[in-house]
Each structure stands twice: as C-alpha cells, then as structure tokens.
C-alpha cells in the first residue's frame, strides 16, 4: 500500500514537472518570436524606403539625396588649418533650417572589375612578357579582392526635401557654400545603381557584391525594397 502511494506521488510529481518544463519551453519560444518581431520592427522603422527613382530616395512623403563628400581629411592638416576649416563648417551648417545626416563607412575595395579589364587585355596581347605580366597583374588584383586586402573610407551626406525640386535647390546652395568656404566637394548620387550599391556598402561593408548588377532590366525604373530584402541585407 505504501509502495502504491509513493508510486502515485512520483507520477503526480513527474506530471507537474513535465507541465512546468513545457510551460518554460513555450515561454522561451514566445520570447524568441517577440524578440524577432522587435528586431523586424526596429529595422522597419530605421530603413523603410518606399522606392528609389533616378537616384532620389522616397520615404514617408519625403525625398532624400545621398551625396558623397570629398576633400575633408583633418589628419593631414595643421592645427590652424583644422580650426579654420571647423569654423567654416560650423558657420555653414548653423545657417541651415533643415536637418542633415552624415554617414562615414569603411568598405572593402572591389578590384574584380579592374582584374577583368586587365585579363581581357592579356587575352588580346600576343604571347610574351607583356601578356605574362598582365595575367599576373590580373591575378594579384583578384587575390586582393579575395583576401579583402584593400579598404576605402567614404563620407556621405543625406539631404531631405519635400520634393525633387526643393532637394536640388538645397543641394546646390549647400554644395556651393561648402566648395567656396570649406574647400569641400559634394557630389550627389544621381543614378539608382549608385544609390543601391552605396546603401549595400553602408549596411554590409564587409561583403563584396553589387546589388545593381542584378538589375538586368528596368534600371531606370522604380525599385521597391521590401522588408524581406532589408532583412536579407542586415541579417
């Protein structure tokens, strides 16, 4: 009789333990799903682009322009030169009545295009020292790409506007001021290919591929980026 009571108690205890473990597992799964949804939500809020057309990014009834900044390298300036340049930049940006954003990133240089060009030249070259040199040169360039041996640093500026006309007006005024007072060159990205490739470099700086190469047709048409595509970039 005592044995049966003990056996019954063990069975009840085992059932309770199984229910507890199942509840914990369910809570863990729910937490993981909620965590994933939170990540998706954050990505969606940060990078919810409606479309890109002729280099202009459209989002939330606003237009945005990506422009590359060149000529700004404080590491090669003297202290006096840095102070003069900083004062000029502060004066320029203090006059703006709209927000701008700066993005600086370091990316792996893609030497494959140059490697293909040299290899094509080698094929067209008669056999001899020059052909061997070009083949070796192309091979070294491809090896540099594979080993991620070369990196480049770029700085971009994001300008907002209600429409394309306002966007270009703001760009022309700001670019002129930066060129005259700050000795800086600001070049807008005017093609869809440049924009999508730059976005890829910002999101995935350690990978080498060009999203624009996938667009065999309709390069100048609207390109819509879905949440799934964004997740494939940042995931």
C-alpha atoms as a PDB file:
ATOM      1  CA  UNK A   1       0.000   0.000   0.000  1.00  0.00           C
ATOM      2  CA  UNK A   2       2.807   2.379   0.911  1.00  0.00           C
ATOM      3  CA  UNK A   3       4.563   1.484  -2.362  1.00  0.00           C
ATOM      4  CA  UNK A   4       1.451   2.373  -4.367  1.00  0.00           C
ATOM      5  CA  UNK A   5       1.141   5.710  -2.558  1.00  0.00           C
ATOM      6  CA  UNK A   6       4.800   6.516  -3.284  1.00  0.00           C
ATOM      7  CA  UNK A   7       4.389   5.467  -6.928  1.00  0.00           C
ATOM      8  CA  UNK A   8       1.267   7.628  -7.263  1.00  0.00           C
ATOM      9  CA  UNK A   9       3.079  10.612  -5.718  1.00  0.00           C
ATOM     10  CA  UNK A  10       6.028  10.165  -8.076  1.00  0.00           C
ATOM     11  CA  UNK A  11       3.642  10.058 -11.054  1.00  0.00           C
ATOM     12  CA  UNK A  12       1.955  13.288  -9.941  1.00  0.00           C
ATOM     13  CA  UNK A  13       5.335  14.940  -9.371  1.00  0.00           C
ATOM     14  CA  UNK A  14       6.511  13.825 -12.811  1.00  0.00           C
ATOM     15  CA  UNK A  15       3.389  15.231 -14.453  1.00  0.00           C
ATOM     16  CA  UNK A  16       3.840  18.558 -12.679  1.00  0.00           C
ATOM     17  CA  UNK A  17       7.493  18.658 -13.739  1.00  0.00           C
ATOM     18  CA  UNK A  18       6.590  17.935 -17.379  1.00  0.00           C
ATOM     19  CA  UNK A  19       3.948  20.667 -17.351  1.00  0.00           C
ATOM     20  CA  UNK A  20       6.474  23.098 -15.873  1.00  0.00           C
ATOM     21  CA  UNK A  21       9.106  22.265 -18.495  1.00  0.00           C
ATOM     22  CA  UNK A  22       6.547  22.588 -21.307  1.00  0.00           C
ATOM     23  CA  UNK A  23       5.471  25.980 -19.970  1.00  0.00           C
ATOM     24  CA  UNK A  24       9.079  27.190 -19.822  1.00  0.00           C
ATOM     25  CA  UNK A  25       9.706  25.974 -23.370  1.00  0.00           C
ATOM     26  CA  UNK A  26       6.576  27.746 -24.580  1.00  0.00           C
ATOM     27  CA  UNK A  27       7.633  30.965 -22.848  1.00  0.00           C
ATOM     28  CA  UNK A  28      11.084  30.693 -24.430  1.00  0.00           C
ATOM     29  CA  UNK A  29       9.602  30.222 -27.907  1.00  0.00           C
ATOM     30  CA  UNK A  30       7.269  33.166 -27.371  1.00  0.00           C
ATOM     31  CA  UNK A  31      10.159  35.301 -26.167  1.00  0.00           C
ATOM     32  CA  UNK A  32      12.189  34.393 -29.243  1.00  0.00           C
ATOM     33  CA  UNK A  33       9.284  35.273 -31.540  1.00  0.00           C
ATOM     34  CA  UNK A  34       8.704  38.552 -29.729  1.00  0.00           C
ATOM     35  CA  UNK A  35      12.419  39.334 -29.888  1.00  0.00           C
ATOM     36  CA  UNK A  36      12.439  38.654 -33.638  1.00  0.00           C
ATOM     37  CA  UNK A  37       9.391  40.848 -34.135  1.00  0.00           C
ATOM     38  CA  UNK A  38      11.096  43.636 -32.184  1.00  0.00           C
ATOM     39  CA  UNK A  39      14.157  43.342 -34.411  1.00  0.00           C
ATOM     40  CA  UNK A  40      11.998  43.438 -37.519  1.00  0.00           C
ATOM     41  CA  UNK A  41      10.155  46.452 -36.167  1.00  0.00           C
ATOM     42  CA  UNK A  42      13.401  48.307 -35.467  1.00  0.00           C
ATOM     43  CA  UNK A  43      14.773  47.544 -38.909  1.00  0.00           C
ATOM     44  CA  UNK A  44      11.496  48.566 -40.487  1.00  0.00           C
ATOM     45  CA  UNK A  45      11.486  51.899 -38.693  1.00  0.00           C
ATOM     46  CA  UNK A  46      15.132  52.602 -39.476  1.00  0.00           C
ATOM     47  CA  UNK A  47      15.180  51.577 -43.136  1.00  0.00           C
ATOM     48  CA  UNK A  48      11.685  51.698 -44.598  1.00  0.00           C
ATOM     49  CA  UNK A  49      12.354  53.002 -48.078  1.00  0.00           C
ATOM     50  CA  UNK A  50       9.324  53.218 -50.343  1.00  0.00           C
ATOM     51  CA  UNK A  51      11.211  53.478 -53.632  1.00  0.00           C
ATOM     52  CA  UNK A  52      14.313  54.854 -55.329  1.00  0.00           C
ATOM     53  CA  UNK A  53      13.890  56.686 -58.618  1.00  0.00           C
ATOM     54  CA  UNK A  54      16.607  58.480 -60.589  1.00  0.00           C
ATOM     55  CA  UNK A  55      18.847  58.440 -57.533  1.00  0.00           C
ATOM     56  CA  UNK A  56      16.236  60.019 -55.237  1.00  0.00           C
ATOM     57  CA  UNK A  57      15.106  58.066 -52.166  1.00  0.00           C
ATOM     58  CA  UNK A  58      11.407  58.359 -51.293  1.00  0.00           C
ATOM     59  CA  UNK A  59      10.202  57.708 -47.754  1.00  0.00           C
ATOM     60  CA  UNK A  60       7.195  58.958 -45.754  1.00  0.00           C
ATOM     61  CA  UNK A  61       6.248  61.611 -48.351  1.00  0.00           C
ATOM     62  CA  UNK A  62       9.798  62.976 -48.228  1.00  0.00           C
ATOM     63  CA  UNK A  63      12.675  62.899 -50.701  1.00  0.00           C
ATOM     64  CA  UNK A  64      16.270  62.234 -49.738  1.00  0.00           C
ATOM     65  CA  UNK A  65      19.532  62.647 -51.613  1.00  0.00           C
ATOM     66  CA  UNK A  66      22.787  60.834 -50.928  1.00  0.00           C
ATOM     67  CA  UNK A  67      25.824  62.981 -51.710  1.00  0.00           C
ATOM     68  CA  UNK A  68      29.457  61.986 -51.386  1.00  0.00           C
ATOM     69  CA  UNK A  69      31.772  64.372 -49.517  1.00  0.00           C
ATOM     70  CA  UNK A  70      35.402  64.687 -50.618  1.00  0.00           C
ATOM     71  CA  UNK A  71      38.288  66.946 -49.651  1.00  0.00           C
ATOM     72  CA  UNK A  72      37.820  66.658 -45.884  1.00  0.00           C
ATOM     73  CA  UNK A  73      40.800  64.985 -44.197  1.00  0.00           C
ATOM     74  CA  UNK A  74      41.790  66.506 -40.870  1.00  0.00           C
ATOM     75  CA  UNK A  75      44.646  64.029 -40.414  1.00  0.00           C
ATOM     76  CA  UNK A  76      46.805  65.846 -42.983  1.00  0.00           C
ATOM     77  CA  UNK A  77      46.009  69.372 -41.749  1.00  0.00           C
ATOM     78  CA  UNK A  78      47.873  71.513 -39.272  1.00  0.00           C
ATOM     79  CA  UNK A  79      46.076  72.657 -36.136  1.00  0.00           C
ATOM     80  CA  UNK A  80      45.475  76.120 -37.586  1.00  0.00           C
ATOM     81  CA  UNK A  81      44.085  74.652 -40.812  1.00  0.00           C
ATOM     82  CA  UNK A  82      41.768  72.409 -38.806  1.00  0.00           C
ATOM     83  CA  UNK A  83      40.469  75.361 -36.783  1.00  0.00           C
ATOM     84  CA  UNK A  84      39.806  77.423 -39.916  1.00  0.00           C
ATOM     85  CA  UNK A  85      38.019  74.532 -41.610  1.00  0.00           C
ATOM     86  CA  UNK A  86      35.939  73.757 -38.498  1.00  0.00           C
ATOM     87  CA  UNK A  87      34.878  77.393 -38.115  1.00  0.00           C
ATOM     88  CA  UNK A  88      33.800  77.490 -41.760  1.00  0.00           C
ATOM     89  CA  UNK A  89      31.779  74.286 -41.436  1.00  0.00           C
ATOM     90  CA  UNK A  90      30.089  75.442 -38.228  1.00  0.00           C
ATOM     91  CA  UNK A  91      29.139  78.715 -39.909  1.00  0.00           C
ATOM     92  CA  UNK A  92      27.691  76.921 -42.949  1.00  0.00           C
ATOM     93  CA  UNK A  93      25.660  74.303 -41.102  1.00  0.00           C
ATOM     94  CA  UNK A  94      24.397  76.761 -38.471  1.00  0.00           C
ATOM     95  CA  UNK A  95      22.511  78.620 -41.209  1.00  0.00           C
ATOM     96  CA  UNK A  96      20.546  75.568 -42.324  1.00  0.00           C
ATOM     97  CA  UNK A  97      16.877  75.361 -41.370  1.00  0.00           C
ATOM     98  CA  UNK A  98      16.580  71.631 -42.108  1.00  0.00           C
ATOM     99  CA  UNK A  99      18.286  68.557 -40.634  1.00  0.00           C
ATOM    100  CA  UNK A 100      21.063  66.691 -42.407  1.00  0.00           C
ATOM    101  CA  UNK A 101      22.785  63.432 -41.580  1.00  0.00           C
ATOM    102  CA  UNK A 102      26.367  62.311 -42.137  1.00  0.00           C
ATOM    103  CA  UNK A 103      27.380  58.699 -42.741  1.00  0.00           C
ATOM    104  CA  UNK A 104      31.021  57.578 -42.720  1.00  0.00           C
ATOM    105  CA  UNK A 105      31.909  53.998 -43.537  1.00  0.00           C
ATOM    106  CA  UNK A 106      34.910  51.866 -44.430  1.00  0.00           C
ATOM    107  CA  UNK A 107      34.347  49.271 -47.132  1.00  0.00           C
ATOM    108  CA  UNK A 108      36.366  46.593 -48.862  1.00  0.00           C
ATOM    109  CA  UNK A 109      37.561  47.737 -52.260  1.00  0.00           C
ATOM    110  CA  UNK A 110      36.233  45.643 -55.131  1.00  0.00           C
ATOM    111  CA  UNK A 111      39.158  45.120 -57.513  1.00  0.00           C
ATOM    112  CA  UNK A 112      37.408  42.453 -59.591  1.00  0.00           C
ATOM    113  CA  UNK A 113      36.292  44.861 -62.337  1.00  0.00           C
ATOM    114  CA  UNK A 114      39.843  46.092 -62.892  1.00  0.00           C
ATOM    115  CA  UNK A 115      41.092  42.497 -62.753  1.00  0.00           C
ATOM    116  CA  UNK A 116      38.665  41.534 -65.536  1.00  0.00           C
ATOM    117  CA  UNK A 117      39.757  44.509 -67.626  1.00  0.00           C
ATOM    118  CA  UNK A 118      43.447  43.578 -67.310  1.00  0.00           C
ATOM    119  CA  UNK A 119      42.669  39.928 -68.042  1.00  0.00           C
ATOM    120  CA  UNK A 120      40.814  40.922 -71.224  1.00  0.00           C
ATOM    121  CA  UNK A 121      43.827  42.971 -72.301  1.00  0.00           C
ATOM    122  CA  UNK A 122      46.070  39.983 -71.629  1.00  0.00           C
ATOM    123  CA  UNK A 123      43.942  37.782 -73.888  1.00  0.00           C
ATOM    124  CA  UNK A 124      44.276  40.325 -76.692  1.00  0.00           C
ATOM    125  CA  UNK A 125      48.048  40.608 -76.175  1.00  0.00           C
ATOM    126  CA  UNK A 126      50.489  38.465 -78.122  1.00  0.00           C
ATOM    127  CA  UNK A 127      52.288  35.769 -76.174  1.00  0.00           C
ATOM    128  CA  UNK A 128      55.339  37.091 -74.421  1.00  0.00           C
ATOM    129  CA  UNK A 129      56.493  39.064 -71.395  1.00  0.00           C
ATOM    130  CA  UNK A 130      53.694  41.663 -71.579  1.00  0.00           C
ATOM    131  CA  UNK A 131      50.974  39.015 -71.641  1.00  0.00           C
ATOM    132  CA  UNK A 132      52.515  37.194 -68.666  1.00  0.00           C
ATOM    133  CA  UNK A 133      52.765  40.460 -66.761  1.00  0.00           C
ATOM    134  CA  UNK A 134      49.130  41.364 -67.405  1.00  0.00           C
ATOM    135  CA  UNK A 135      47.922  37.903 -66.422  1.00  0.00           C
ATOM    136  CA  UNK A 136      49.932  38.078 -63.215  1.00  0.00           C
ATOM    137  CA  UNK A 137      48.673  41.604 -62.540  1.00  0.00           C
ATOM    138  CA  UNK A 138      45.058  40.497 -63.013  1.00  0.00           C
ATOM    139  CA  UNK A 139      45.656  37.535 -60.718  1.00  0.00           C
ATOM    140  CA  UNK A 140      47.099  39.760 -57.990  1.00  0.00           C
ATOM    141  CA  UNK A 141      44.123  42.115 -58.210  1.00  0.00           C
ATOM    142  CA  UNK A 142      41.713  39.208 -57.881  1.00  0.00           C
ATOM    143  CA  UNK A 143      43.722  37.883 -54.934  1.00  0.00           C
ATOM    144  CA  UNK A 144      43.492  41.274 -53.243  1.00  0.00           C
ATOM    145  CA  UNK A 145      39.715  41.118 -53.583  1.00  0.00           C
ATOM    146  CA  UNK A 146      39.542  37.573 -52.223  1.00  0.00           C
ATOM    147  CA  UNK A 147      41.766  38.426 -49.247  1.00  0.00           C
ATOM    148  CA  UNK A 148      39.987  41.751 -48.629  1.00  0.00           C
ATOM    149  CA  UNK A 149      43.369  43.448 -48.612  1.00  0.00           C
ATOM    150  CA  UNK A 150      42.274  46.948 -49.654  1.00  0.00           C
ATOM    151  CA  UNK A 151      39.748  49.134 -47.860  1.00  0.00           C
ATOM    152  CA  UNK A 152      38.434  52.587 -48.647  1.00  0.00           C
ATOM    153  CA  UNK A 153      36.718  55.169 -46.472  1.00  0.00           C
ATOM    154  CA  UNK A 154      33.852  57.297 -47.697  1.00  0.00           C
ATOM    155  CA  UNK A 155      31.680  60.013 -46.172  1.00  0.00           C
ATOM    156  CA  UNK A 156      28.149  60.735 -47.341  1.00  0.00           C
ATOM    157  CA  UNK A 157      25.621  63.418 -46.549  1.00  0.00           C
ATOM    158  CA  UNK A 158      21.862  62.809 -46.546  1.00  0.00           C
ATOM    159  CA  UNK A 159      19.758  65.813 -47.539  1.00  0.00           C
ATOM    160  CA  UNK A 160      15.948  65.895 -47.055  1.00  0.00           C
ATOM    161  CA  UNK A 161      13.338  67.710 -49.111  1.00  0.00           C
ATOM    162  CA  UNK A 162       9.600  67.792 -49.739  1.00  0.00           C
ATOM    163  CA  UNK A 163      10.118  67.129 -53.430  1.00  0.00           C
ATOM    164  CA  UNK A 164      12.844  66.763 -56.026  1.00  0.00           C
ATOM    165  CA  UNK A 165      12.935  70.484 -56.832  1.00  0.00           C
ATOM    166  CA  UNK A 166      13.414  71.554 -53.211  1.00  0.00           C
ATOM    167  CA  UNK A 167      16.010  68.823 -52.772  1.00  0.00           C
ATOM    168  CA  UNK A 168      18.153  70.049 -55.673  1.00  0.00           C
ATOM    169  CA  UNK A 169      17.802  73.690 -54.611  1.00  0.00           C
ATOM    170  CA  UNK A 170      19.100  72.824 -51.154  1.00  0.00           C
ATOM    171  CA  UNK A 171      21.909  70.749 -52.603  1.00  0.00           C
ATOM    172  CA  UNK A 172      23.104  73.476 -54.975  1.00  0.00           C
ATOM    173  CA  UNK A 173      23.190  76.129 -52.250  1.00  0.00           C
ATOM    174  CA  UNK A 174      24.902  73.875 -49.713  1.00  0.00           C
ATOM    175  CA  UNK A 175      27.393  72.427 -52.201  1.00  0.00           C
ATOM    176  CA  UNK A 176      28.342  75.931 -53.346  1.00  0.00           C
ATOM    177  CA  UNK A 177      28.943  77.103 -49.762  1.00  0.00           C
ATOM    178  CA  UNK A 178      30.990  74.029 -48.883  1.00  0.00           C
ATOM    179  CA  UNK A 179      33.088  74.386 -52.024  1.00  0.00           C
ATOM    180  CA  UNK A 180      33.797  78.104 -51.585  1.00  0.00           C
ATOM    181  CA  UNK A 181      34.194  78.309 -47.809  1.00  0.00           C
ATOM    182  CA  UNK A 182      35.107  74.779 -46.779  1.00  0.00           C
ATOM    183  CA  UNK A 183      37.120  73.597 -49.808  1.00  0.00           C
ATOM    184  CA  UNK A 184      34.919  70.519 -49.917  1.00  0.00           C
ATOM    185  CA  UNK A 185      33.499  68.786 -52.967  1.00  0.00           C
ATOM    186  CA  UNK A 186      29.967  67.386 -52.620  1.00  0.00           C
ATOM    187  CA  UNK A 187      28.842  65.059 -55.413  1.00  0.00           C
ATOM    188  CA  UNK A 188      25.247  63.746 -55.483  1.00  0.00           C
ATOM    189  CA  UNK A 189      24.485  60.139 -56.372  1.00  0.00           C
ATOM    190  CA  UNK A 190      22.252  60.641 -59.389  1.00  0.00           C
ATOM    191  CA  UNK A 191      21.620  57.079 -60.535  1.00  0.00           C
ATOM    192  CA  UNK A 192      19.639  54.286 -58.942  1.00  0.00           C
ATOM    193  CA  UNK A 193      22.610  51.945 -59.345  1.00  0.00           C
ATOM    194  CA  UNK A 194      24.871  54.224 -57.297  1.00  0.00           C
ATOM    195  CA  UNK A 195      22.286  54.578 -54.532  1.00  0.00           C
ATOM    196  CA  UNK A 196      21.517  50.874 -54.086  1.00  0.00           C
ATOM    197  CA  UNK A 197      25.220  49.979 -54.174  1.00  0.00           C
ATOM    198  CA  UNK A 198      26.026  52.669 -51.604  1.00  0.00           C
ATOM    199  CA  UNK A 199      23.225  51.503 -49.307  1.00  0.00           C
ATOM    200  CA  UNK A 200      24.648  47.993 -49.533  1.00  0.00           C
ATOM    201  CA  UNK A 201      28.108  49.293 -48.606  1.00  0.00           C
ATOM    202  CA  UNK A 202      26.679  51.097 -45.584  1.00  0.00           C
ATOM    203  CA  UNK A 203      24.691  48.085 -44.371  1.00  0.00           C
ATOM    204  CA  UNK A 204      27.194  45.377 -45.347  1.00  0.00           C
ATOM    205  CA  UNK A 205      30.686  46.941 -45.530  1.00  0.00           C
ATOM    206  CA  UNK A 206      32.482  43.597 -45.223  1.00  0.00           C
ATOM    207  CA  UNK A 207      30.899  41.960 -48.261  1.00  0.00           C
ATOM    208  CA  UNK A 208      31.762  42.353 -51.925  1.00  0.00           C
ATOM    209  CA  UNK A 209      28.857  42.345 -54.358  1.00  0.00           C
ATOM    210  CA  UNK A 210      26.842  44.929 -56.231  1.00  0.00           C
ATOM    211  CA  UNK A 211      23.039  44.794 -55.999  1.00  0.00           C
ATOM    212  CA  UNK A 212      22.829  46.899 -59.162  1.00  0.00           C
ATOM    213  CA  UNK A 213      24.314  44.027 -61.176  1.00  0.00           C
ATOM    214  CA  UNK A 214      21.099  42.079 -60.544  1.00  0.00           C
ATOM    215  CA  UNK A 215      19.031  44.680 -62.365  1.00  0.00           C
ATOM    216  CA  UNK A 216      19.338  43.497 -65.944  1.00  0.00           C
ATOM    217  CA  UNK A 217      16.150  45.266 -66.989  1.00  0.00           C
ATOM    218  CA  UNK A 218      14.384  48.371 -65.753  1.00  0.00           C
ATOM    219  CA  UNK A 219      17.435  50.001 -64.168  1.00  0.00           C
ATOM    220  CA  UNK A 220      15.926  53.459 -64.579  1.00  0.00           C
ATOM    221  CA  UNK A 221      12.528  52.367 -63.242  1.00  0.00           C
ATOM    222  CA  UNK A 222      11.272  52.461 -59.669  1.00  0.00           C
ATOM    223  CA  UNK A 223      12.940  49.952 -57.364  1.00  0.00           C
ATOM    224  CA  UNK A 224      10.979  48.857 -54.309  1.00  0.00           C
ATOM    225  CA  UNK A 225      12.807  47.443 -51.301  1.00  0.00           C
ATOM    226  CA  UNK A 226      10.676  45.150 -49.179  1.00  0.00           C
ATOM    227  CA  UNK A 227      11.187  44.339 -45.513  1.00  0.00           C
ATOM    228  CA  UNK A 228      12.339  40.857 -46.549  1.00  0.00           C
ATOM    229  CA  UNK A 229      15.105  42.307 -48.731  1.00  0.00           C
ATOM    230  CA  UNK A 230      16.226  44.636 -45.965  1.00  0.00           C
ATOM    231  CA  UNK A 231      16.419  41.716 -43.542  1.00  0.00           C
ATOM    232  CA  UNK A 232      18.480  39.753 -46.054  1.00  0.00           C
ATOM    233  CA  UNK A 233      20.928  42.684 -46.177  1.00  0.00           C
ATOM    234  CA  UNK A 234      21.335  43.217 -42.433  1.00  0.00           C
ATOM    235  CA  UNK A 235      20.842  39.596 -41.414  1.00  0.00           C
END
